Amino acid sequence: MADSIQEFLNKNYTSAISLEDVAKRFFISKDYASHIFKEHTGSPLITYVIQKRMEKAEELLASTNKPIVEIALEMGYNDPNYFSFTFKKYHDMTPRQYRSRYREKDE
């Protein structure tokens, strides 16, 4: 079951997704979904989704010229400011700083 949940999240992490959505999708309680997912991955479900989003955002920031607002939307964040806040929380720098730093290393 945990593998199925992880596969579902890997395919849908850019969507607005909640623990409740996952529980309904797999016909289990939120508590059980949370428990088995954390036991399987070592990470809370929402943390896993955020990490997937941040990994993909890093890739897009480093390899494309897409505007940060567009990347935020692609990652499932309707509020680009919240995306930047979350990105900074995970990377200790803003998306703009990350892009600049990454590009400086390539040049």
PDB file of N, CA and C in Angstrom:
ATOM      1  N   MET A   1       0.828  -1.196   0.000  1.00  0.00           N
ATOM      2  CA  MET A   1       0.000   0.000   0.000  1.00  0.00           C
ATOM      3  C   MET A   1       0.870   1.257   0.000  1.00  0.00           C
ATOM      4  N   ALA A   2       1.915   1.261   0.823  1.00  0.00           N
ATOM      5  CA  ALA A   2       2.787   2.435   0.899  1.00  0.00           C
ATOM      6  C   ALA A   2       3.477   2.687  -0.435  1.00  0.00           C
ATOM      7  N   ASP A   3       3.847   1.603  -1.130  1.00  0.00           N
ATOM      8  CA  ASP A   3       4.457   1.769  -2.457  1.00  0.00           C
ATOM      9  C   ASP A   3       3.475   2.436  -3.421  1.00  0.00           C
ATOM     10  N   SER A   4       2.234   2.048  -3.354  1.00  0.00           N
ATOM     11  CA  SER A   4       1.203   2.633  -4.230  1.00  0.00           C
ATOM     12  C   SER A   4       1.005   4.115  -3.915  1.00  0.00           C
ATOM     13  N   ILE A   5       1.010   4.459  -2.641  1.00  0.00           N
ATOM     14  CA  ILE A   5       0.869   5.858  -2.245  1.00  0.00           C
ATOM     15  C   ILE A   5       2.063   6.657  -2.749  1.00  0.00           C
ATOM     16  N   GLN A   6       3.264   6.107  -2.571  1.00  0.00           N
ATOM     17  CA  GLN A   6       4.466   6.804  -3.024  1.00  0.00           C
ATOM     18  C   GLN A   6       4.438   6.990  -4.544  1.00  0.00           C
ATOM     19  N   GLU A   7       4.032   5.985  -5.273  1.00  0.00           N
ATOM     20  CA  GLU A   7       3.926   6.094  -6.731  1.00  0.00           C
ATOM     21  C   GLU A   7       2.912   7.171  -7.118  1.00  0.00           C
ATOM     22  N   PHE A   8       1.787   7.181  -6.432  1.00  0.00           N
ATOM     23  CA  PHE A   8       0.764   8.196  -6.686  1.00  0.00           C
ATOM     24  C   PHE A   8       1.322   9.603  -6.446  1.00  0.00           C
ATOM     25  N   LEU A   9       2.048   9.777  -5.351  1.00  0.00           N
ATOM     26  CA  LEU A   9       2.633  11.085  -5.043  1.00  0.00           C
ATOM     27  C   LEU A   9       3.699  11.469  -6.057  1.00  0.00           C
ATOM     28  N   ASN A  10       4.493  10.516  -6.494  1.00  0.00           N
ATOM     29  CA  ASN A  10       5.528  10.802  -7.489  1.00  0.00           C
ATOM     30  C   ASN A  10       4.933  11.288  -8.801  1.00  0.00           C
ATOM     31  N   LYS A  11       3.748  10.820  -9.120  1.00  0.00           N
ATOM     32  CA  LYS A  11       3.079  11.221 -10.351  1.00  0.00           C
ATOM     33  C   LYS A  11       2.276  12.515 -10.196  1.00  0.00           C
ATOM     34  N   ASN A  12       1.888  12.837  -8.964  1.00  0.00           N
ATOM     35  CA  ASN A  12       0.939  13.940  -8.750  1.00  0.00           C
ATOM     36  C   ASN A  12       1.427  15.026  -7.806  1.00  0.00           C
ATOM     37  N   TYR A  13       2.715  15.079  -7.508  1.00  0.00           N
ATOM     38  CA  TYR A  13       3.211  16.028  -6.511  1.00  0.00           C
ATOM     39  C   TYR A  13       3.028  17.483  -6.915  1.00  0.00           C
ATOM     40  N   THR A  14       2.820  17.740  -8.195  1.00  0.00           N
ATOM     41  CA  THR A  14       2.621  19.127  -8.627  1.00  0.00           C
ATOM     42  C   THR A  14       1.163  19.572  -8.484  1.00  0.00           C
ATOM     43  N   SER A  15       0.296  18.656  -8.134  1.00  0.00           N
ATOM     44  CA  SER A  15      -1.112  18.996  -7.903  1.00  0.00           C
ATOM     45  C   SER A  15      -1.316  19.415  -6.457  1.00  0.00           C
ATOM     46  N   ALA A  16      -2.383  20.141  -6.226  1.00  0.00           N
ATOM     47  CA  ALA A  16      -2.766  20.449  -4.842  1.00  0.00           C
ATOM     48  C   ALA A  16      -3.235  19.133  -4.244  1.00  0.00           C
ATOM     49  N   ILE A  17      -2.438  18.590  -3.338  1.00  0.00           N
ATOM     50  CA  ILE A  17      -2.738  17.270  -2.795  1.00  0.00           C
ATOM     51  C   ILE A  17      -2.599  17.305  -1.282  1.00  0.00           C
ATOM     52  N   SER A  18      -3.497  16.624  -0.614  1.00  0.00           N
ATOM     53  CA  SER A  18      -3.473  16.617   0.844  1.00  0.00           C
ATOM     54  C   SER A  18      -3.518  15.174   1.347  1.00  0.00           C
ATOM     55  N   LEU A  19      -3.265  15.028   2.613  1.00  0.00           N
ATOM     56  CA  LEU A  19      -3.363  13.723   3.245  1.00  0.00           C
ATOM     57  C   LEU A  19      -4.777  13.169   3.080  1.00  0.00           C
ATOM     58  N   GLU A  20      -5.754  14.039   3.190  1.00  0.00           N
ATOM     59  CA  GLU A  20      -7.148  13.618   3.015  1.00  0.00           C
ATOM     60  C   GLU A  20      -7.384  13.085   1.600  1.00  0.00           C
ATOM     61  N   ASP A  21      -6.807  13.753   0.599  1.00  0.00           N
ATOM     62  CA  ASP A  21      -6.941  13.286  -0.786  1.00  0.00           C
ATOM     63  C   ASP A  21      -6.369  11.877  -0.945  1.00  0.00           C
ATOM     64  N   VAL A  22      -5.200  11.663  -0.364  1.00  0.00           N
ATOM     65  CA  VAL A  22      -4.544  10.356  -0.450  1.00  0.00           C
ATOM     66  C   VAL A  22      -5.396   9.296   0.243  1.00  0.00           C
ATOM     67  N   ALA A  23      -5.880   9.614   1.429  1.00  0.00           N
ATOM     68  CA  ALA A  23      -6.708   8.656   2.176  1.00  0.00           C
ATOM     69  C   ALA A  23      -7.957   8.276   1.382  1.00  0.00           C
ATOM     70  N   LYS A  24      -8.617   9.250   0.797  1.00  0.00           N
ATOM     71  CA  LYS A  24      -9.816   8.970   0.000  1.00  0.00           C
ATOM     72  C   LYS A  24      -9.474   8.119  -1.220  1.00  0.00           C
ATOM     73  N   ARG A  25      -8.379   8.450  -1.869  1.00  0.00           N
ATOM     74  CA  ARG A  25      -7.956   7.732  -3.083  1.00  0.00           C
ATOM     75  C   ARG A  25      -7.723   6.249  -2.800  1.00  0.00           C
ATOM     76  N   PHE A  26      -7.173   5.942  -1.634  1.00  0.00           N
ATOM     77  CA  PHE A  26      -6.832   4.566  -1.296  1.00  0.00           C
ATOM     78  C   PHE A  26      -7.806   3.916  -0.299  1.00  0.00           C
ATOM     79  N   PHE A  27      -8.898   4.638  -0.009  1.00  0.00           N
ATOM     80  CA  PHE A  27      -9.956   4.109   0.849  1.00  0.00           C
ATOM     81  C   PHE A  27      -9.435   3.682   2.220  1.00  0.00           C
ATOM     82  N   ILE A  28      -8.627   4.550   2.801  1.00  0.00           N
ATOM     83  CA  ILE A  28      -8.091   4.304   4.136  1.00  0.00           C
ATOM     84  C   ILE A  28      -8.226   5.581   4.954  1.00  0.00           C
ATOM     85  N   SER A  29      -8.015   5.478   6.245  1.00  0.00           N
ATOM     86  CA  SER A  29      -8.097   6.673   7.087  1.00  0.00           C
ATOM     87  C   SER A  29      -6.849   7.532   6.899  1.00  0.00           C
ATOM     88  N   LYS A  30      -6.975   8.807   7.224  1.00  0.00           N
ATOM     89  CA  LYS A  30      -5.825   9.718   7.144  1.00  0.00           C
ATOM     90  C   LYS A  30      -4.717   9.255   8.076  1.00  0.00           C
ATOM     91  N   ASP A  31      -5.086   8.832   9.276  1.00  0.00           N
ATOM     92  CA  ASP A  31      -4.083   8.370  10.244  1.00  0.00           C
ATOM     93  C   ASP A  31      -3.316   7.158   9.718  1.00  0.00           C
ATOM     94  N   TYR A  32      -4.032   6.230   9.127  1.00  0.00           N
ATOM     95  CA  TYR A  32      -3.375   5.032   8.605  1.00  0.00           C
ATOM     96  C   TYR A  32      -2.478   5.376   7.421  1.00  0.00           C
ATOM     97  N   ALA A  33      -2.973   6.231   6.526  1.00  0.00           N
ATOM     98  CA  ALA A  33      -2.154   6.657   5.376  1.00  0.00           C
ATOM     99  C   ALA A  33      -0.877   7.315   5.855  1.00  0.00           C
ATOM    100  N   SER A  34      -1.011   8.194   6.812  1.00  0.00           N
ATOM    101  CA  SER A  34       0.145   8.894   7.357  1.00  0.00           C
ATOM    102  C   SER A  34       1.122   7.915   8.003  1.00  0.00           C
ATOM    103  N   HIS A  35       0.596   7.003   8.779  1.00  0.00           N
ATOM    104  CA  HIS A  35       1.428   6.038   9.504  1.00  0.00           C
ATOM    105  C   HIS A  35       2.208   5.137   8.548  1.00  0.00           C
ATOM    106  N   ILE A  36       1.511   4.531   7.605  1.00  0.00           N
ATOM    107  CA  ILE A  36       2.208   3.577   6.736  1.00  0.00           C
ATOM    108  C   ILE A  36       3.183   4.279   5.800  1.00  0.00           C
ATOM    109  N   PHE A  37       2.851   5.495   5.388  1.00  0.00           N
ATOM    110  CA  PHE A  37       3.763   6.211   4.506  1.00  0.00           C
ATOM    111  C   PHE A  37       5.046   6.587   5.251  1.00  0.00           C
ATOM    112  N   LYS A  38       4.892   7.098   6.455  1.00  0.00           N
ATOM    113  CA  LYS A  38       6.071   7.477   7.230  1.00  0.00           C
ATOM    114  C   LYS A  38       6.904   6.251   7.595  1.00  0.00           C
ATOM    115  N   GLU A  39       6.251   5.171   7.905  1.00  0.00           N
ATOM    116  CA  GLU A  39       6.966   3.934   8.233  1.00  0.00           C
ATOM    117  C   GLU A  39       7.757   3.431   7.019  1.00  0.00           C
ATOM    118  N   HIS A  40       7.179   3.571   5.842  1.00  0.00           N
ATOM    119  CA  HIS A  40       7.794   3.089   4.595  1.00  0.00           C
ATOM    120  C   HIS A  40       8.935   3.992   4.118  1.00  0.00           C
ATOM    121  N   THR A  41       8.743   5.318   4.212  1.00  0.00           N
ATOM    122  CA  THR A  41       9.720   6.253   3.637  1.00  0.00           C
ATOM    123  C   THR A  41      10.580   6.948   4.683  1.00  0.00           C
ATOM    124  N   GLY A  42      10.110   6.952   5.930  1.00  0.00           N
ATOM    125  CA  GLY A  42      10.822   7.686   6.973  1.00  0.00           C
ATOM    126  C   GLY A  42      10.496   9.162   6.979  1.00  0.00           C
ATOM    127  N   SER A  43       9.561   9.551   6.135  1.00  0.00           N
ATOM    128  CA  SER A  43       9.216  10.967   5.989  1.00  0.00           C
ATOM    129  C   SER A  43       7.703  11.146   6.042  1.00  0.00           C
ATOM    130  N   PRO A  44       7.231  12.204   6.714  1.00  0.00           N
ATOM    131  CA  PRO A  44       5.793  12.488   6.650  1.00  0.00           C
ATOM    132  C   PRO A  44       5.368  12.766   5.207  1.00  0.00           C
ATOM    133  N   LEU A  45       4.149  12.436   4.898  1.00  0.00           N
ATOM    134  CA  LEU A  45       3.642  12.559   3.536  1.00  0.00           C
ATOM    135  C   LEU A  45       3.822  13.967   2.978  1.00  0.00           C
ATOM    136  N   ILE A  46       3.421  14.973   3.704  1.00  0.00           N
ATOM    137  CA  ILE A  46       3.507  16.338   3.183  1.00  0.00           C
ATOM    138  C   ILE A  46       4.959  16.764   2.995  1.00  0.00           C
ATOM    139  N   THR A  47       5.841  16.322   3.875  1.00  0.00           N
ATOM    140  CA  THR A  47       7.261  16.625   3.736  1.00  0.00           C
ATOM    141  C   THR A  47       7.805  15.988   2.461  1.00  0.00           C
ATOM    142  N   TYR A  48       7.365  14.775   2.181  1.00  0.00           N
ATOM    143  CA  TYR A  48       7.782  14.081   0.963  1.00  0.00           C
ATOM    144  C   TYR A  48       7.354  14.865  -0.276  1.00  0.00           C
ATOM    145  N   VAL A  49       6.110  15.324  -0.285  1.00  0.00           N
ATOM    146  CA  VAL A  49       5.595  16.095  -1.428  1.00  0.00           C
ATOM    147  C   VAL A  49       6.400  17.385  -1.595  1.00  0.00           C
ATOM    148  N   ILE A  50       6.647  18.086  -0.515  1.00  0.00           N
ATOM    149  CA  ILE A  50       7.411  19.338  -0.594  1.00  0.00           C
ATOM    150  C   ILE A  50       8.822  19.066  -1.103  1.00  0.00           C
ATOM    151  N   GLN A  51       9.452  18.000  -0.623  1.00  0.00           N
ATOM    152  CA  GLN A  51      10.803  17.673  -1.082  1.00  0.00           C
ATOM    153  C   GLN A  51      10.819  17.377  -2.578  1.00  0.00           C
ATOM    154  N   LYS A  52       9.834  16.648  -3.065  1.00  0.00           N
ATOM    155  CA  LYS A  52       9.742  16.375  -4.508  1.00  0.00           C
ATOM    156  C   LYS A  52       9.593  17.687  -5.277  1.00  0.00           C
ATOM    157  N   ARG A  53       8.746  18.573  -4.780  1.00  0.00           N
ATOM    158  CA  ARG A  53       8.553  19.865  -5.445  1.00  0.00           C
ATOM    159  C   ARG A  53       9.841  20.681  -5.454  1.00  0.00           C
ATOM    160  N   MET A  54      10.545  20.684  -4.334  1.00  0.00           N
ATOM    161  CA  MET A  54      11.779  21.469  -4.243  1.00  0.00           C
ATOM    162  C   MET A  54      12.873  20.901  -5.150  1.00  0.00           C
ATOM    163  N   GLU A  55      12.958  19.587  -5.254  1.00  0.00           N
ATOM    164  CA  GLU A  55      13.939  18.963  -6.143  1.00  0.00           C
ATOM    165  C   GLU A  55      13.679  19.355  -7.593  1.00  0.00           C
ATOM    166  N   LYS A  56      12.425  19.297  -8.004  1.00  0.00           N
ATOM    167  CA  LYS A  56      12.075  19.659  -9.381  1.00  0.00           C
ATOM    168  C   LYS A  56      12.274  21.156  -9.603  1.00  0.00           C
ATOM    169  N   ALA A  57      11.944  21.972  -8.615  1.00  0.00           N
ATOM    170  CA  ALA A  57      12.147  23.419  -8.731  1.00  0.00           C
ATOM    171  C   ALA A  57      13.632  23.731  -8.898  1.00  0.00           C
ATOM    172  N   GLU A  58      14.494  23.064  -8.136  1.00  0.00           N
ATOM    173  CA  GLU A  58      15.946  23.248  -8.284  1.00  0.00           C
ATOM    174  C   GLU A  58      16.363  22.975  -9.724  1.00  0.00           C
ATOM    175  N   GLU A  59      15.889  21.873 -10.240  1.00  0.00           N
ATOM    176  CA  GLU A  59      16.226  21.478 -11.610  1.00  0.00           C
ATOM    177  C   GLU A  59      15.776  22.549 -12.617  1.00  0.00           C
ATOM    178  N   LEU A  60      14.548  23.016 -12.466  1.00  0.00           N
ATOM    179  CA  LEU A  60      14.022  24.024 -13.397  1.00  0.00           C
ATOM    180  C   LEU A  60      14.746  25.355 -13.265  1.00  0.00           C
ATOM    181  N   LEU A  61      15.066  25.750 -12.043  1.00  0.00           N
ATOM    182  CA  LEU A  61      15.788  27.002 -11.834  1.00  0.00           C
ATOM    183  C   LEU A  61      17.177  26.947 -12.461  1.00  0.00           C
ATOM    184  N   ALA A  62      17.811  25.796 -12.366  1.00  0.00           N
ATOM    185  CA  ALA A  62      19.178  25.649 -12.863  1.00  0.00           C
ATOM    186  C   ALA A  62      19.248  25.436 -14.370  1.00  0.00           C
ATOM    187  N   SER A  63      18.214  24.866 -14.944  1.00  0.00           N
ATOM    188  CA  SER A  63      18.324  24.454 -16.344  1.00  0.00           C
ATOM    189  C   SER A  63      17.432  25.207 -17.323  1.00  0.00           C
ATOM    190  N   THR A  64      16.590  26.103 -16.812  1.00  0.00           N
ATOM    191  CA  THR A  64      15.696  26.846 -17.704  1.00  0.00           C
ATOM    192  C   THR A  64      15.734  28.330 -17.370  1.00  0.00           C
ATOM    193  N   ASN A  65      15.147  29.108 -18.250  1.00  0.00           N
ATOM    194  CA  ASN A  65      14.972  30.543 -17.999  1.00  0.00           C
ATOM    195  C   ASN A  65      13.529  30.872 -17.650  1.00  0.00           C
ATOM    196  N   LYS A  66      12.774  29.852 -17.285  1.00  0.00           N
ATOM    197  CA  LYS A  66      11.375  30.085 -16.928  1.00  0.00           C
ATOM    198  C   LYS A  66      11.306  31.065 -15.768  1.00  0.00           C
ATOM    199  N   PRO A  67      10.329  31.964 -15.806  1.00  0.00           N
ATOM    200  CA  PRO A  67      10.148  32.871 -14.667  1.00  0.00           C
ATOM    201  C   PRO A  67       9.826  32.078 -13.397  1.00  0.00           C
ATOM    202  N   ILE A  68      10.261  32.600 -12.277  1.00  0.00           N
ATOM    203  CA  ILE A  68      10.037  31.937 -10.994  1.00  0.00           C
ATOM    204  C   ILE A  68       8.544  31.749 -10.738  1.00  0.00           C
ATOM    205  N   VAL A  69       7.746  32.702 -11.153  1.00  0.00           N
ATOM    206  CA  VAL A  69       6.283  32.594 -10.979  1.00  0.00           C
ATOM    207  C   VAL A  69       5.772  31.360 -11.723  1.00  0.00           C
ATOM    208  N   GLU A  70       6.261  31.139 -12.919  1.00  0.00           N
ATOM    209  CA  GLU A  70       5.832  29.984 -13.710  1.00  0.00           C
ATOM    210  C   GLU A  70       6.269  28.676 -13.045  1.00  0.00           C
ATOM    211  N   ILE A  71       7.484  28.648 -12.536  1.00  0.00           N
ATOM    212  CA  ILE A  71       7.975  27.452 -11.834  1.00  0.00           C
ATOM    213  C   ILE A  71       7.117  27.187 -10.602  1.00  0.00           C
ATOM    214  N   ALA A  72       6.798  28.243  -9.869  1.00  0.00           N
ATOM    215  CA  ALA A  72       5.945  28.091  -8.685  1.00  0.00           C
ATOM    216  C   ALA A  72       4.620  27.442  -9.063  1.00  0.00           C
ATOM    217  N   LEU A  73       4.000  27.927 -10.114  1.00  0.00           N
ATOM    218  CA  LEU A  73       2.715  27.373 -10.562  1.00  0.00           C
ATOM    219  C   LEU A  73       2.863  25.918 -10.994  1.00  0.00           C
ATOM    220  N   GLU A  74       3.941  25.605 -11.707  1.00  0.00           N
ATOM    221  CA  GLU A  74       4.182  24.229 -12.140  1.00  0.00           C
ATOM    222  C   GLU A  74       4.366  23.280 -10.954  1.00  0.00           C
ATOM    223  N   MET A  75       4.892  23.794  -9.869  1.00  0.00           N
ATOM    224  CA  MET A  75       5.134  22.972  -8.686  1.00  0.00           C
ATOM    225  C   MET A  75       3.909  22.861  -7.788  1.00  0.00           C
ATOM    226  N   GLY A  76       2.796  23.479  -8.203  1.00  0.00           N
ATOM    227  CA  GLY A  76       1.569  23.353  -7.436  1.00  0.00           C
ATOM    228  C   GLY A  76       1.322  24.468  -6.444  1.00  0.00           C
ATOM    229  N   TYR A  77       2.125  25.519  -6.517  1.00  0.00           N
ATOM    230  CA  TYR A  77       1.945  26.661  -5.612  1.00  0.00           C
ATOM    231  C   TYR A  77       1.185  27.758  -6.350  1.00  0.00           C
ATOM    232  N   ASN A  78       0.004  28.081  -5.866  1.00  0.00           N
ATOM    233  CA  ASN A  78      -0.781  29.152  -6.475  1.00  0.00           C
ATOM    234  C   ASN A  78      -0.260  30.521  -6.070  1.00  0.00           C
ATOM    235  N   ASP A  79       0.487  30.575  -4.986  1.00  0.00           N
ATOM    236  CA  ASP A  79       1.043  31.826  -4.480  1.00  0.00           C
ATOM    237  C   ASP A  79       2.569  31.785  -4.633  1.00  0.00           C
ATOM    238  N   PRO A  80       3.114  32.527  -5.594  1.00  0.00           N
ATOM    239  CA  PRO A  80       4.558  32.529  -5.811  1.00  0.00           C
ATOM    240  C   PRO A  80       5.351  32.985  -4.585  1.00  0.00           C
ATOM    241  N   ASN A  81       4.761  33.837  -3.765  1.00  0.00           N
ATOM    242  CA  ASN A  81       5.449  34.276  -2.545  1.00  0.00           C
ATOM    243  C   ASN A  81       5.594  33.122  -1.561  1.00  0.00           C
ATOM    244  N   TYR A  82       4.565  32.286  -1.476  1.00  0.00           N
ATOM    245  CA  TYR A  82       4.648  31.128  -0.588  1.00  0.00           C
ATOM    246  C   TYR A  82       5.664  30.118  -1.123  1.00  0.00           C
ATOM    247  N   PHE A  83       5.708  29.968  -2.435  1.00  0.00           N
ATOM    248  CA  PHE A  83       6.730  29.116  -3.042  1.00  0.00           C
ATOM    249  C   PHE A  83       8.120  29.616  -2.663  1.00  0.00           C
ATOM    250  N   SER A  84       8.353  30.912  -2.796  1.00  0.00           N
ATOM    251  CA  SER A  84       9.666  31.482  -2.459  1.00  0.00           C
ATOM    252  C   SER A  84       9.981  31.295  -0.981  1.00  0.00           C
ATOM    253  N   PHE A  85       8.983  31.489  -0.134  1.00  0.00           N
ATOM    254  CA  PHE A  85       9.148  31.285   1.302  1.00  0.00           C
ATOM    255  C   PHE A  85       9.560  29.843   1.595  1.00  0.00           C
ATOM    256  N   THR A  86       8.852  28.898   0.984  1.00  0.00           N
ATOM    257  CA  THR A  86       9.141  27.481   1.198  1.00  0.00           C
ATOM    258  C   THR A  86      10.511  27.117   0.639  1.00  0.00           C
ATOM    259  N   PHE A  87      10.822  27.615  -0.542  1.00  0.00           N
ATOM    260  CA  PHE A  87      12.119  27.340  -1.147  1.00  0.00           C
ATOM    261  C   PHE A  87      13.242  27.844  -0.244  1.00  0.00           C
ATOM    262  N   LYS A  88      13.083  29.046   0.272  1.00  0.00           N
ATOM    263  CA  LYS A  88      14.114  29.624   1.145  1.00  0.00           C
ATOM    264  C   LYS A  88      14.254  28.809   2.430  1.00  0.00           C
ATOM    265  N   LYS A  89      13.158  28.320   2.937  1.00  0.00           N
ATOM    266  CA  LYS A  89      13.174  27.501   4.153  1.00  0.00           C
ATOM    267  C   LYS A  89      14.005  26.226   3.931  1.00  0.00           C
ATOM    268  N   TYR A  90      13.914  25.657   2.746  1.00  0.00           N
ATOM    269  CA  TYR A  90      14.629  24.419   2.436  1.00  0.00           C
ATOM    270  C   TYR A  90      16.062  24.649   1.971  1.00  0.00           C
ATOM    271  N   HIS A  91      16.347  25.798   1.388  1.00  0.00           N
ATOM    272  CA  HIS A  91      17.659  26.021   0.768  1.00  0.00           C
ATOM    273  C   HIS A  91      18.460  27.177   1.372  1.00  0.00           C
ATOM    274  N   ASP A  92      17.890  27.879   2.323  1.00  0.00           N
ATOM    275  CA  ASP A  92      18.546  29.041   2.931  1.00  0.00           C
ATOM    276  C   ASP A  92      18.889  30.122   1.913  1.00  0.00           C
ATOM    277  N   MET A  93      18.136  30.149   0.819  1.00  0.00           N
ATOM    278  CA  MET A  93      18.269  31.211  -0.174  1.00  0.00           C
ATOM    279  C   MET A  93      16.995  31.239  -1.013  1.00  0.00           C
ATOM    280  N   THR A  94      16.741  32.374  -1.619  1.00  0.00           N
ATOM    281  CA  THR A  94      15.550  32.519  -2.451  1.00  0.00           C
ATOM    282  C   THR A  94      15.763  31.779  -3.772  1.00  0.00           C
ATOM    283  N   PRO A  95      14.683  31.525  -4.514  1.00  0.00           N
ATOM    284  CA  PRO A  95      14.840  30.913  -5.836  1.00  0.00           C
ATOM    285  C   PRO A  95      15.750  31.747  -6.753  1.00  0.00           C
ATOM    286  N   ARG A  96      15.628  33.046  -6.684  1.00  0.00           N
ATOM    287  CA  ARG A  96      16.469  33.927  -7.515  1.00  0.00           C
ATOM    288  C   ARG A  96      17.948  33.769  -7.137  1.00  0.00           C
ATOM    289  N   GLN A  97      18.233  33.740  -5.842  1.00  0.00           N
ATOM    290  CA  GLN A  97      19.614  33.558  -5.389  1.00  0.00           C
ATOM    291  C   GLN A  97      20.142  32.182  -5.809  1.00  0.00           C
ATOM    292  N   TYR A  98      19.302  31.171  -5.703  1.00  0.00           N
ATOM    293  CA  TYR A  98      19.691  29.823  -6.102  1.00  0.00           C
ATOM    294  C   TYR A  98      20.060  29.803  -7.580  1.00  0.00           C
ATOM    295  N   ARG A  99      19.202  30.376  -8.406  1.00  0.00           N
ATOM    296  CA  ARG A  99      19.449  30.415  -9.852  1.00  0.00           C
ATOM    297  C   ARG A  99      20.749  31.152 -10.146  1.00  0.00           C
ATOM    298  N   SER A 100      20.938  32.275  -9.506  1.00  0.00           N
ATOM    299  CA  SER A 100      22.145  33.073  -9.723  1.00  0.00           C
ATOM    300  C   SER A 100      23.385  32.298  -9.292  1.00  0.00           C
ATOM    301  N   ARG A 101      23.347  31.694  -8.144  1.00  0.00           N
ATOM    302  CA  ARG A 101      24.495  30.942  -7.624  1.00  0.00           C
ATOM    303  C   ARG A 101      24.805  29.748  -8.513  1.00  0.00           C
ATOM    304  N   TYR A 102      23.791  29.055  -8.941  1.00  0.00           N
ATOM    305  CA  TYR A 102      23.998  27.877  -9.786  1.00  0.00           C
ATOM    306  C   TYR A 102      24.622  28.281 -11.114  1.00  0.00           C
ATOM    307  N   ARG A 103      24.134  29.361 -11.679  1.00  0.00           N
ATOM    308  CA  ARG A 103      24.643  29.808 -12.984  1.00  0.00           C
ATOM    309  C   ARG A 103      26.069  30.335 -12.880  1.00  0.00           C
ATOM    310  N   GLU A 104      26.413  30.940 -11.744  1.00  0.00           N
ATOM    311  CA  GLU A 104      27.789  31.437 -11.537  1.00  0.00           C
ATOM    312  C   GLU A 104      28.777  30.273 -11.570  1.00  0.00           C
ATOM    313  N   LYS A 105      28.369  29.118 -11.022  1.00  0.00           N
ATOM    314  CA  LYS A 105      29.246  27.944 -10.991  1.00  0.00           C
ATOM    315  C   LYS A 105      29.496  27.407 -12.389  1.00  0.00           C
ATOM    316  N   ASP A 106      28.501  27.540 -13.281  1.00  0.00           N
ATOM    317  CA  ASP A 106      28.642  27.023 -14.646  1.00  0.00           C
ATOM    318  C   ASP A 106      29.505  27.922 -15.522  1.00  0.00           C
ATOM    319  N   GLU A 107      29.609  29.175 -15.175  1.00  0.00           N
ATOM    320  CA  GLU A 107      30.321  30.128 -16.048  1.00  0.00           C
ATOM    321  C   GLU A 107      31.787  30.200 -15.748  1.00  0.00           C
TER     322      GLU A 107
END
